[in-house]
């Protein structure tokens, strides 16, 4: 009898959502994704202290450069484990600044190239604000592939596809969290899960209208959400949920079918900035969750910066004592 994760890999490209190298090795995914929260958790682990120390040495007292190098250092190690894409996230505090997002992405790609990693291996991860999507549009024209994250609405998804983004990460569990609180319920049947329904709608829209942008479901709360999206282009899954899928036997049916989507009656929406902002305004869940997600990533960046600053201070103190 095969396991659910083995079945899933036949229907969907499985991606590992972690900064923990050992976890990635264990599950042998095609790609890997990280974010500031995951990098922060990994940086707190003693086994990765050397990665942080090397980034501090590279930055030579510059916190911003050290932070970029830290993200690239983790990404570089991950490229040695997975054969496909590695996602590296732009500072969430730049989410409303198109030019600064482009500049930061170019800096990250330059750092990867310094250690021999070609840009084709890297997905620059950007929050799917209007400004972030416009940054991704420019970067894609430079041949830099982008992963637009914190997708909570069809408006974001359509704007990303029309901008030519390589990949989007629509969130599942966080949508369910919002609706559980809003509706005062304990949970949903898998097919009725609002997060599952959101990703399904995006997937079907893309396939109906011939968009090449990859749909990678993210942010899962349980394995039912994952199995209900079997057939999605990609699914990025945390190690604990991959463990559950690996220990559960049984076949998985195809849930998302690109061929069937082509015959569905789904009207096309031409996405302008005005349409985007209005659709987001009319969707309180998406508006709240995007803002919350950006704040959360920014908070973990600040915590990681403090770790970096403490190490820089300790290094400077050792220099003074050895003079």
C-alpha atoms as a PDB file:
ATOM      1  CA  UNK A   1       0.000   0.000   0.000  1.00  0.00           C
ATOM      2  CA  UNK A   2       1.354   3.429  -0.936  1.00  0.00           C
ATOM      3  CA  UNK A   3       1.359   6.419   1.370  1.00  0.00           C
ATOM      4  CA  UNK A   4      -0.653   9.572   0.789  1.00  0.00           C
ATOM      5  CA  UNK A   5       2.477  11.614   0.178  1.00  0.00           C
ATOM      6  CA  UNK A   6       3.567   9.175  -2.536  1.00  0.00           C
ATOM      7  CA  UNK A   7       0.151   9.461  -4.165  1.00  0.00           C
ATOM      8  CA  UNK A   8       0.209  13.243  -3.854  1.00  0.00           C
ATOM      9  CA  UNK A   9       3.563  13.447  -5.636  1.00  0.00           C
ATOM     10  CA  UNK A  10       1.990  11.716  -8.659  1.00  0.00           C
ATOM     11  CA  UNK A  11      -0.712  14.406  -8.881  1.00  0.00           C
ATOM     12  CA  UNK A  12       1.042  17.528  -7.622  1.00  0.00           C
ATOM     13  CA  UNK A  13       4.567  18.897  -7.281  1.00  0.00           C
ATOM     14  CA  UNK A  14       5.301  18.751  -3.536  1.00  0.00           C
ATOM     15  CA  UNK A  15       7.282  21.617  -2.013  1.00  0.00           C
ATOM     16  CA  UNK A  16       8.721  21.747   1.519  1.00  0.00           C
ATOM     17  CA  UNK A  17       7.841  24.854   3.547  1.00  0.00           C
ATOM     18  CA  UNK A  18      10.739  25.245   5.982  1.00  0.00           C
ATOM     19  CA  UNK A  19      14.205  26.645   6.537  1.00  0.00           C
ATOM     20  CA  UNK A  20      15.347  23.438   8.244  1.00  0.00           C
ATOM     21  CA  UNK A  21      17.814  21.671   5.932  1.00  0.00           C
ATOM     22  CA  UNK A  22      17.397  18.323   7.660  1.00  0.00           C
ATOM     23  CA  UNK A  23      13.619  18.370   7.206  1.00  0.00           C
ATOM     24  CA  UNK A  24      14.038  19.145   3.505  1.00  0.00           C
ATOM     25  CA  UNK A  25      16.469  16.233   3.080  1.00  0.00           C
ATOM     26  CA  UNK A  26      14.003  13.905   4.782  1.00  0.00           C
ATOM     27  CA  UNK A  27      11.120  14.551   2.380  1.00  0.00           C
ATOM     28  CA  UNK A  28      13.044  15.072  -0.874  1.00  0.00           C
ATOM     29  CA  UNK A  29      10.683  17.699  -2.345  1.00  0.00           C
ATOM     30  CA  UNK A  30      11.048  19.273  -5.793  1.00  0.00           C
ATOM     31  CA  UNK A  31      11.228  22.844  -4.437  1.00  0.00           C
ATOM     32  CA  UNK A  32      11.501  24.602  -1.085  1.00  0.00           C
ATOM     33  CA  UNK A  33      10.034  27.821   0.270  1.00  0.00           C
ATOM     34  CA  UNK A  34      11.133  30.006   3.155  1.00  0.00           C
ATOM     35  CA  UNK A  35       9.875  33.221   4.710  1.00  0.00           C
ATOM     36  CA  UNK A  36      11.171  35.529   7.461  1.00  0.00           C
ATOM     37  CA  UNK A  37       9.313  33.560  10.128  1.00  0.00           C
ATOM     38  CA  UNK A  38      10.852  30.259   9.003  1.00  0.00           C
ATOM     39  CA  UNK A  39      14.338  31.783   8.701  1.00  0.00           C
ATOM     40  CA  UNK A  40      13.975  33.220  12.200  1.00  0.00           C
ATOM     41  CA  UNK A  41      13.058  29.799  13.608  1.00  0.00           C
ATOM     42  CA  UNK A  42      15.969  28.131  11.818  1.00  0.00           C
ATOM     43  CA  UNK A  43      18.408  30.853  12.899  1.00  0.00           C
ATOM     44  CA  UNK A  44      17.482  30.140  16.522  1.00  0.00           C
ATOM     45  CA  UNK A  45      18.590  26.498  16.139  1.00  0.00           C
ATOM     46  CA  UNK A  46      22.094  25.763  17.370  1.00  0.00           C
ATOM     47  CA  UNK A  47      22.881  23.546  14.373  1.00  0.00           C
ATOM     48  CA  UNK A  48      22.585  26.549  12.047  1.00  0.00           C
ATOM     49  CA  UNK A  49      24.630  28.982  14.154  1.00  0.00           C
ATOM     50  CA  UNK A  50      27.511  28.767  11.674  1.00  0.00           C
ATOM     51  CA  UNK A  51      25.252  29.968   8.848  1.00  0.00           C
ATOM     52  CA  UNK A  52      24.334  33.043  10.892  1.00  0.00           C
ATOM     53  CA  UNK A  53      27.977  33.642  11.864  1.00  0.00           C
ATOM     54  CA  UNK A  54      29.112  33.502   8.232  1.00  0.00           C
ATOM     55  CA  UNK A  55      26.427  36.038   7.249  1.00  0.00           C
ATOM     56  CA  UNK A  56      27.551  38.349  10.064  1.00  0.00           C
ATOM     57  CA  UNK A  57      31.151  38.101   8.839  1.00  0.00           C
ATOM     58  CA  UNK A  58      30.050  38.915   5.287  1.00  0.00           C
ATOM     59  CA  UNK A  59      27.988  41.920   6.396  1.00  0.00           C
ATOM     60  CA  UNK A  60      30.924  43.417   8.333  1.00  0.00           C
ATOM     61  CA  UNK A  61      28.716  45.413  10.673  1.00  0.00           C
ATOM     62  CA  UNK A  62      25.956  46.285   8.183  1.00  0.00           C
ATOM     63  CA  UNK A  63      22.697  44.784   9.473  1.00  0.00           C
ATOM     64  CA  UNK A  64      20.850  45.168   6.158  1.00  0.00           C
ATOM     65  CA  UNK A  65      23.579  43.433   4.154  1.00  0.00           C
ATOM     66  CA  UNK A  66      23.857  40.720   6.816  1.00  0.00           C
ATOM     67  CA  UNK A  67      20.107  40.067   6.689  1.00  0.00           C
ATOM     68  CA  UNK A  68      20.193  39.691   2.899  1.00  0.00           C
ATOM     69  CA  UNK A  69      23.218  37.415   3.109  1.00  0.00           C
ATOM     70  CA  UNK A  70      21.498  35.306   5.772  1.00  0.00           C
ATOM     71  CA  UNK A  71      18.487  34.723   3.521  1.00  0.00           C
ATOM     72  CA  UNK A  72      20.784  33.893   0.620  1.00  0.00           C
ATOM     73  CA  UNK A  73      22.952  31.620   2.787  1.00  0.00           C
ATOM     74  CA  UNK A  74      19.938  29.536   3.802  1.00  0.00           C
ATOM     75  CA  UNK A  75      18.721  29.521   0.213  1.00  0.00           C
ATOM     76  CA  UNK A  76      22.133  28.461  -1.076  1.00  0.00           C
ATOM     77  CA  UNK A  77      22.240  25.452   1.241  1.00  0.00           C
ATOM     78  CA  UNK A  78      18.707  24.503   0.190  1.00  0.00           C
ATOM     79  CA  UNK A  79      19.671  24.581  -3.518  1.00  0.00           C
ATOM     80  CA  UNK A  80      22.099  21.760  -2.715  1.00  0.00           C
ATOM     81  CA  UNK A  81      19.194  19.607  -1.521  1.00  0.00           C
ATOM     82  CA  UNK A  82      16.283  20.312  -3.896  1.00  0.00           C
ATOM     83  CA  UNK A  83      16.535  20.159  -7.695  1.00  0.00           C
ATOM     84  CA  UNK A  84      14.001  22.906  -8.383  1.00  0.00           C
ATOM     85  CA  UNK A  85      13.162  26.389  -7.174  1.00  0.00           C
ATOM     86  CA  UNK A  86      14.136  27.943  -3.850  1.00  0.00           C
ATOM     87  CA  UNK A  87      12.058  30.933  -2.739  1.00  0.00           C
ATOM     88  CA  UNK A  88      13.775  33.852  -1.000  1.00  0.00           C
ATOM     89  CA  UNK A  89      11.603  36.642   0.372  1.00  0.00           C
ATOM     90  CA  UNK A  90      12.058  40.384  -0.001  1.00  0.00           C
ATOM     91  CA  UNK A  91      11.797  42.429   3.213  1.00  0.00           C
ATOM     92  CA  UNK A  92       8.067  42.672   3.981  1.00  0.00           C
ATOM     93  CA  UNK A  93       8.504  46.321   5.014  1.00  0.00           C
ATOM     94  CA  UNK A  94       9.000  47.122   1.309  1.00  0.00           C
ATOM     95  CA  UNK A  95       5.579  45.725   0.383  1.00  0.00           C
ATOM     96  CA  UNK A  96       4.214  49.122  -0.671  1.00  0.00           C
ATOM     97  CA  UNK A  97       7.341  50.371  -2.469  1.00  0.00           C
ATOM     98  CA  UNK A  98       7.733  49.086  -6.024  1.00  0.00           C
ATOM     99  CA  UNK A  99      11.171  50.581  -6.699  1.00  0.00           C
ATOM    100  CA  UNK A 100      12.646  49.455  -3.371  1.00  0.00           C
ATOM    101  CA  UNK A 101      11.302  45.926  -3.909  1.00  0.00           C
ATOM    102  CA  UNK A 102      12.947  45.757  -7.330  1.00  0.00           C
ATOM    103  CA  UNK A 103      16.251  47.032  -5.926  1.00  0.00           C
ATOM    104  CA  UNK A 104      16.207  44.545  -3.050  1.00  0.00           C
ATOM    105  CA  UNK A 105      15.413  41.645  -5.401  1.00  0.00           C
ATOM    106  CA  UNK A 106      18.340  42.577  -7.645  1.00  0.00           C
ATOM    107  CA  UNK A 107      20.639  42.672  -4.594  1.00  0.00           C
ATOM    108  CA  UNK A 108      19.523  39.192  -3.539  1.00  0.00           C
ATOM    109  CA  UNK A 109      20.045  37.782  -7.034  1.00  0.00           C
ATOM    110  CA  UNK A 110      23.526  39.369  -7.161  1.00  0.00           C
ATOM    111  CA  UNK A 111      24.407  37.680  -3.852  1.00  0.00           C
ATOM    112  CA  UNK A 112      23.249  34.324  -5.213  1.00  0.00           C
ATOM    113  CA  UNK A 113      25.338  34.810  -8.344  1.00  0.00           C
ATOM    114  CA  UNK A 114      28.393  35.573  -6.174  1.00  0.00           C
ATOM    115  CA  UNK A 115      28.228  31.985  -4.875  1.00  0.00           C
ATOM    116  CA  UNK A 116      27.478  30.452  -8.259  1.00  0.00           C
ATOM    117  CA  UNK A 117      23.700  30.102  -8.000  1.00  0.00           C
ATOM    118  CA  UNK A 118      21.974  31.117 -11.230  1.00  0.00           C
ATOM    119  CA  UNK A 119      18.889  33.290 -11.039  1.00  0.00           C
ATOM    120  CA  UNK A 120      16.839  30.557 -12.716  1.00  0.00           C
ATOM    121  CA  UNK A 121      17.018  28.528  -9.482  1.00  0.00           C
ATOM    122  CA  UNK A 122      15.577  31.325  -7.345  1.00  0.00           C
ATOM    123  CA  UNK A 123      12.032  32.611  -6.895  1.00  0.00           C
ATOM    124  CA  UNK A 124      11.995  36.113  -5.437  1.00  0.00           C
ATOM    125  CA  UNK A 125       9.127  36.087  -2.965  1.00  0.00           C
ATOM    126  CA  UNK A 126       7.070  39.278  -2.778  1.00  0.00           C
ATOM    127  CA  UNK A 127       3.840  40.162  -0.955  1.00  0.00           C
ATOM    128  CA  UNK A 128       0.984  40.461  -3.466  1.00  0.00           C
ATOM    129  CA  UNK A 129       0.118  44.106  -2.890  1.00  0.00           C
ATOM    130  CA  UNK A 130      -0.508  46.160  -6.036  1.00  0.00           C
ATOM    131  CA  UNK A 131       2.967  47.672  -5.619  1.00  0.00           C
ATOM    132  CA  UNK A 132       4.537  44.250  -5.121  1.00  0.00           C
ATOM    133  CA  UNK A 133       2.837  42.861  -8.222  1.00  0.00           C
ATOM    134  CA  UNK A 134       4.129  45.783 -10.313  1.00  0.00           C
ATOM    135  CA  UNK A 135       7.642  45.107  -8.992  1.00  0.00           C
ATOM    136  CA  UNK A 136       7.309  41.472  -9.998  1.00  0.00           C
ATOM    137  CA  UNK A 137       6.176  42.522 -13.487  1.00  0.00           C
ATOM    138  CA  UNK A 138       9.442  44.426 -13.965  1.00  0.00           C
ATOM    139  CA  UNK A 139      11.579  41.664 -12.450  1.00  0.00           C
ATOM    140  CA  UNK A 140      10.015  39.020 -14.683  1.00  0.00           C
ATOM    141  CA  UNK A 141      10.959  41.180 -17.678  1.00  0.00           C
ATOM    142  CA  UNK A 142      14.560  41.015 -16.392  1.00  0.00           C
ATOM    143  CA  UNK A 143      14.306  37.225 -16.372  1.00  0.00           C
ATOM    144  CA  UNK A 144      13.992  37.047 -12.563  1.00  0.00           C
ATOM    145  CA  UNK A 145      11.273  34.607 -11.555  1.00  0.00           C
ATOM    146  CA  UNK A 146       8.904  35.646  -8.780  1.00  0.00           C
ATOM    147  CA  UNK A 147       6.675  33.988  -6.187  1.00  0.00           C
ATOM    148  CA  UNK A 148       3.850  36.308  -5.142  1.00  0.00           C
ATOM    149  CA  UNK A 149       2.792  35.421  -1.625  1.00  0.00           C
ATOM    150  CA  UNK A 150      -0.013  36.300   0.793  1.00  0.00           C
ATOM    151  CA  UNK A 151      -2.634  35.626  -1.881  1.00  0.00           C
ATOM    152  CA  UNK A 152      -6.102  35.726  -0.337  1.00  0.00           C
ATOM    153  CA  UNK A 153      -8.293  36.827  -3.239  1.00  0.00           C
ATOM    154  CA  UNK A 154      -9.000  36.159  -6.899  1.00  0.00           C
ATOM    155  CA  UNK A 155      -8.180  39.845  -7.576  1.00  0.00           C
ATOM    156  CA  UNK A 156      -4.589  39.318  -6.432  1.00  0.00           C
ATOM    157  CA  UNK A 157      -4.322  36.085  -8.412  1.00  0.00           C
ATOM    158  CA  UNK A 158      -5.591  37.644 -11.652  1.00  0.00           C
ATOM    159  CA  UNK A 159      -3.322  40.685 -11.274  1.00  0.00           C
ATOM    160  CA  UNK A 160      -0.328  38.370 -10.786  1.00  0.00           C
ATOM    161  CA  UNK A 161      -1.175  36.311 -13.860  1.00  0.00           C
ATOM    162  CA  UNK A 162      -1.643  39.404 -16.019  1.00  0.00           C
ATOM    163  CA  UNK A 163       1.717  40.735 -14.750  1.00  0.00           C
ATOM    164  CA  UNK A 164       3.411  37.526 -15.925  1.00  0.00           C
ATOM    165  CA  UNK A 165       4.413  36.235 -12.490  1.00  0.00           C
ATOM    166  CA  UNK A 166       5.989  32.777 -12.493  1.00  0.00           C
ATOM    167  CA  UNK A 167       4.185  31.509  -9.392  1.00  0.00           C
ATOM    168  CA  UNK A 168       1.653  32.530  -6.747  1.00  0.00           C
ATOM    169  CA  UNK A 169       1.132  31.224  -3.218  1.00  0.00           C
ATOM    170  CA  UNK A 170      -2.574  31.383  -2.317  1.00  0.00           C
ATOM    171  CA  UNK A 171      -3.043  30.711   1.389  1.00  0.00           C
ATOM    172  CA  UNK A 172      -5.499  28.121   2.638  1.00  0.00           C
ATOM    173  CA  UNK A 173      -5.351  27.808   6.419  1.00  0.00           C
ATOM    174  CA  UNK A 174      -5.299  31.519   7.160  1.00  0.00           C
ATOM    175  CA  UNK A 175      -8.482  31.964   5.122  1.00  0.00           C
ATOM    176  CA  UNK A 176     -10.128  29.179   7.108  1.00  0.00           C
ATOM    177  CA  UNK A 177      -8.959  30.821  10.356  1.00  0.00           C
ATOM    178  CA  UNK A 178     -10.684  34.074   9.412  1.00  0.00           C
ATOM    179  CA  UNK A 179     -13.969  32.442   8.465  1.00  0.00           C
ATOM    180  CA  UNK A 180     -14.025  30.215  11.540  1.00  0.00           C
ATOM    181  CA  UNK A 181     -13.728  33.300  13.721  1.00  0.00           C
ATOM    182  CA  UNK A 182     -16.147  35.349  11.614  1.00  0.00           C
ATOM    183  CA  UNK A 183     -18.820  32.649  11.448  1.00  0.00           C
ATOM    184  CA  UNK A 184     -18.241  31.233  14.922  1.00  0.00           C
ATOM    185  CA  UNK A 185     -17.772  27.640  13.750  1.00  0.00           C
ATOM    186  CA  UNK A 186     -15.332  24.919  14.761  1.00  0.00           C
ATOM    187  CA  UNK A 187     -14.393  23.873  11.257  1.00  0.00           C
ATOM    188  CA  UNK A 188     -15.535  22.844   7.783  1.00  0.00           C
ATOM    189  CA  UNK A 189     -15.869  19.734   5.679  1.00  0.00           C
ATOM    190  CA  UNK A 190     -12.786  19.611   3.422  1.00  0.00           C
ATOM    191  CA  UNK A 191     -14.644  20.513   0.203  1.00  0.00           C
ATOM    192  CA  UNK A 192     -16.424  23.387   1.997  1.00  0.00           C
ATOM    193  CA  UNK A 193     -13.272  24.823   3.564  1.00  0.00           C
ATOM    194  CA  UNK A 194     -13.166  28.496   2.440  1.00  0.00           C
ATOM    195  CA  UNK A 195      -9.407  28.299   1.887  1.00  0.00           C
ATOM    196  CA  UNK A 196      -9.735  25.190  -0.272  1.00  0.00           C
ATOM    197  CA  UNK A 197     -12.536  26.838  -2.221  1.00  0.00           C
ATOM    198  CA  UNK A 198     -10.399  29.954  -2.803  1.00  0.00           C
ATOM    199  CA  UNK A 199      -7.452  28.005  -4.243  1.00  0.00           C
ATOM    200  CA  UNK A 200      -9.813  25.871  -6.325  1.00  0.00           C
ATOM    201  CA  UNK A 201     -11.410  28.999  -7.814  1.00  0.00           C
ATOM    202  CA  UNK A 202      -7.992  30.482  -8.650  1.00  0.00           C
ATOM    203  CA  UNK A 203      -6.769  27.223 -10.203  1.00  0.00           C
ATOM    204  CA  UNK A 204      -9.892  26.883 -12.344  1.00  0.00           C
ATOM    205  CA  UNK A 205      -9.736  30.537 -13.466  1.00  0.00           C
ATOM    206  CA  UNK A 206      -6.104  30.157 -14.554  1.00  0.00           C
ATOM    207  CA  UNK A 207      -6.718  26.951 -16.506  1.00  0.00           C
ATOM    208  CA  UNK A 208      -9.910  28.301 -18.092  1.00  0.00           C
ATOM    209  CA  UNK A 209      -8.215  31.445 -19.360  1.00  0.00           C
ATOM    210  CA  UNK A 210      -4.840  29.949 -20.280  1.00  0.00           C
ATOM    211  CA  UNK A 211      -2.650  31.609 -17.651  1.00  0.00           C
ATOM    212  CA  UNK A 212       0.761  29.962 -17.234  1.00  0.00           C
ATOM    213  CA  UNK A 213       1.379  31.263 -13.701  1.00  0.00           C
ATOM    214  CA  UNK A 214       1.916  28.318 -11.340  1.00  0.00           C
ATOM    215  CA  UNK A 215      -0.612  27.929  -8.508  1.00  0.00           C
ATOM    216  CA  UNK A 216       1.095  26.732  -5.312  1.00  0.00           C
ATOM    217  CA  UNK A 217      -1.314  26.282  -2.409  1.00  0.00           C
ATOM    218  CA  UNK A 218       0.211  27.227   0.958  1.00  0.00           C
ATOM    219  CA  UNK A 219      -0.529  27.678   4.669  1.00  0.00           C
ATOM    220  CA  UNK A 220      -2.271  24.435   5.568  1.00  0.00           C
ATOM    221  CA  UNK A 221      -3.840  23.642   8.916  1.00  0.00           C
ATOM    222  CA  UNK A 222      -4.524  19.937   8.328  1.00  0.00           C
ATOM    223  CA  UNK A 223      -3.983  17.175   5.783  1.00  0.00           C
ATOM    224  CA  UNK A 224      -7.618  17.279   4.621  1.00  0.00           C
ATOM    225  CA  UNK A 225      -6.970  20.702   3.102  1.00  0.00           C
ATOM    226  CA  UNK A 226      -3.984  19.255   1.262  1.00  0.00           C
ATOM    227  CA  UNK A 227      -5.659  16.144  -0.095  1.00  0.00           C
ATOM    228  CA  UNK A 228      -8.670  18.199  -1.197  1.00  0.00           C
ATOM    229  CA  UNK A 229      -6.316  20.138  -3.485  1.00  0.00           C
ATOM    230  CA  UNK A 230      -4.636  17.112  -5.092  1.00  0.00           C
ATOM    231  CA  UNK A 231      -3.947  18.079  -8.674  1.00  0.00           C
ATOM    232  CA  UNK A 232      -2.978  21.680  -7.901  1.00  0.00           C
ATOM    233  CA  UNK A 233       0.218  22.688  -9.751  1.00  0.00           C
ATOM    234  CA  UNK A 234       2.222  22.766  -6.519  1.00  0.00           C
ATOM    235  CA  UNK A 235       1.536  22.529  -2.789  1.00  0.00           C
ATOM    236  CA  UNK A 236       4.035  23.812  -0.229  1.00  0.00           C
ATOM    237  CA  UNK A 237       3.674  21.799   2.968  1.00  0.00           C
ATOM    238  CA  UNK A 238       5.230  22.035   6.432  1.00  0.00           C
ATOM    239  CA  UNK A 239       7.316  19.092   7.740  1.00  0.00           C
ATOM    240  CA  UNK A 240       4.756  18.070  10.421  1.00  0.00           C
ATOM    241  CA  UNK A 241       1.993  17.712   7.804  1.00  0.00           C
ATOM    242  CA  UNK A 242       4.361  15.917   5.420  1.00  0.00           C
ATOM    243  CA  UNK A 243       5.059  13.525   8.295  1.00  0.00           C
ATOM    244  CA  UNK A 244       1.330  12.837   8.661  1.00  0.00           C
ATOM    245  CA  UNK A 245       0.904  12.244   4.933  1.00  0.00           C
ATOM    246  CA  UNK A 246       3.942   9.938   4.952  1.00  0.00           C
ATOM    247  CA  UNK A 247       2.512   7.816   7.750  1.00  0.00           C
ATOM    248  CA  UNK A 248      -0.994   7.555   6.251  1.00  0.00           C
ATOM    249  CA  UNK A 249      -1.665   4.902   3.644  1.00  0.00           C
ATOM    250  CA  UNK A 250      -4.254   5.053   0.890  1.00  0.00           C
ATOM    251  CA  UNK A 251      -4.842   6.370  -2.605  1.00  0.00           C
ATOM    252  CA  UNK A 252      -5.764   9.965  -3.315  1.00  0.00           C
ATOM    253  CA  UNK A 253      -8.249  10.965  -6.017  1.00  0.00           C
ATOM    254  CA  UNK A 254      -7.590  13.869  -8.370  1.00  0.00           C
ATOM    255  CA  UNK A 255      -9.508  16.892  -7.076  1.00  0.00           C
ATOM    256  CA  UNK A 256      -8.319  19.757  -9.298  1.00  0.00           C
ATOM    257  CA  UNK A 257      -8.472  18.953 -13.012  1.00  0.00           C
ATOM    258  CA  UNK A 258      -7.009  21.420 -15.512  1.00  0.00           C
ATOM    259  CA  UNK A 259      -8.811  19.832 -18.458  1.00  0.00           C
ATOM    260  CA  UNK A 260     -12.221  20.045 -16.802  1.00  0.00           C
ATOM    261  CA  UNK A 261     -11.575  23.667 -15.843  1.00  0.00           C
ATOM    262  CA  UNK A 262     -11.182  24.614 -19.504  1.00  0.00           C
ATOM    263  CA  UNK A 263     -14.852  23.854 -20.142  1.00  0.00           C
ATOM    264  CA  UNK A 264     -16.166  25.686 -17.066  1.00  0.00           C
ATOM    265  CA  UNK A 265     -18.231  28.867 -17.389  1.00  0.00           C
ATOM    266  CA  UNK A 266     -15.893  31.338 -15.696  1.00  0.00           C
ATOM    267  CA  UNK A 267     -16.072  34.977 -16.873  1.00  0.00           C
ATOM    268  CA  UNK A 268     -12.799  36.771 -17.552  1.00  0.00           C
ATOM    269  CA  UNK A 269     -11.905  39.836 -15.481  1.00  0.00           C
ATOM    270  CA  UNK A 270      -9.593  42.515 -16.886  1.00  0.00           C
ATOM    271  CA  UNK A 271      -7.571  43.626 -13.893  1.00  0.00           C
ATOM    272  CA  UNK A 272      -6.764  47.337 -13.614  1.00  0.00           C
ATOM    273  CA  UNK A 273      -5.425  49.043 -10.495  1.00  0.00           C
ATOM    274  CA  UNK A 274      -8.867  50.513  -9.818  1.00  0.00           C
ATOM    275  CA  UNK A 275     -10.551  47.118 -10.180  1.00  0.00           C
ATOM    276  CA  UNK A 276      -7.902  45.497  -7.974  1.00  0.00           C
ATOM    277  CA  UNK A 277      -8.270  48.025  -5.184  1.00  0.00           C
ATOM    278  CA  UNK A 278     -12.066  47.930  -5.326  1.00  0.00           C
ATOM    279  CA  UNK A 279     -12.223  44.121  -5.231  1.00  0.00           C
ATOM    280  CA  UNK A 280      -9.823  44.099  -2.279  1.00  0.00           C
ATOM    281  CA  UNK A 281     -11.887  46.786  -0.552  1.00  0.00           C
ATOM    282  CA  UNK A 282     -14.988  44.625  -0.945  1.00  0.00           C
ATOM    283  CA  UNK A 283     -13.236  41.587   0.554  1.00  0.00           C
ATOM    284  CA  UNK A 284     -12.638  42.210   4.281  1.00  0.00           C
ATOM    285  CA  UNK A 285     -11.017  38.810   4.767  1.00  0.00           C
ATOM    286  CA  UNK A 286      -8.404  39.406   2.057  1.00  0.00           C
ATOM    287  CA  UNK A 287      -7.746  42.974   3.168  1.00  0.00           C
ATOM    288  CA  UNK A 288      -7.257  41.963   6.799  1.00  0.00           C
ATOM    289  CA  UNK A 289      -5.178  38.854   6.111  1.00  0.00           C
ATOM    290  CA  UNK A 290      -2.777  40.568   3.699  1.00  0.00           C
ATOM    291  CA  UNK A 291      -2.136  43.343   6.213  1.00  0.00           C
ATOM    292  CA  UNK A 292      -1.796  40.852   9.069  1.00  0.00           C
ATOM    293  CA  UNK A 293       0.606  38.703   7.039  1.00  0.00           C
ATOM    294  CA  UNK A 294       2.839  41.641   6.164  1.00  0.00           C
ATOM    295  CA  UNK A 295       2.892  42.767   9.803  1.00  0.00           C
ATOM    296  CA  UNK A 296       3.741  39.251  10.938  1.00  0.00           C
ATOM    297  CA  UNK A 297       6.642  38.836   8.525  1.00  0.00           C
ATOM    298  CA  UNK A 298       7.909  42.333   9.391  1.00  0.00           C
ATOM    299  CA  UNK A 299       7.794  41.489  13.103  1.00  0.00           C
ATOM    300  CA  UNK A 300       9.950  38.402  12.584  1.00  0.00           C
ATOM    301  CA  UNK A 301      12.385  40.398  10.444  1.00  0.00           C
ATOM    302  CA  UNK A 302      12.825  42.828  13.355  1.00  0.00           C
ATOM    303  CA  UNK A 303      13.429  39.909  15.749  1.00  0.00           C
ATOM    304  CA  UNK A 304      15.975  38.413  13.350  1.00  0.00           C
ATOM    305  CA  UNK A 305      17.666  41.788  12.968  1.00  0.00           C
ATOM    306  CA  UNK A 306      18.090  41.891  16.749  1.00  0.00           C
ATOM    307  CA  UNK A 307      19.810  38.499  16.706  1.00  0.00           C
ATOM    308  CA  UNK A 308      22.103  39.769  13.954  1.00  0.00           C
ATOM    309  CA  UNK A 309      22.806  43.022  15.810  1.00  0.00           C
ATOM    310  CA  UNK A 310      23.637  41.131  19.004  1.00  0.00           C
ATOM    311  CA  UNK A 311      26.121  38.973  17.085  1.00  0.00           C
ATOM    312  CA  UNK A 312      27.660  42.053  15.457  1.00  0.00           C
ATOM    313  CA  UNK A 313      28.002  43.695  18.886  1.00  0.00           C
ATOM    314  CA  UNK A 314      29.606  40.558  20.321  1.00  0.00           C
ATOM    315  CA  UNK A 315      32.014  40.402  17.392  1.00  0.00           C
ATOM    316  CA  UNK A 316      32.989  44.046  17.818  1.00  0.00           C
ATOM    317  CA  UNK A 317      33.509  43.505  21.549  1.00  0.00           C
ATOM    318  CA  UNK A 318      35.872  40.588  20.854  1.00  0.00           C
ATOM    319  CA  UNK A 319      37.823  42.765  18.416  1.00  0.00           C
ATOM    320  CA  UNK A 320      38.322  45.440  21.071  1.00  0.00           C
ATOM    321  CA  UNK A 321      39.510  42.970  23.695  1.00  0.00           C
ATOM    322  CA  UNK A 322      42.089  41.419  21.338  1.00  0.00           C
ATOM    323  CA  UNK A 323      43.703  44.760  20.389  1.00  0.00           C
END
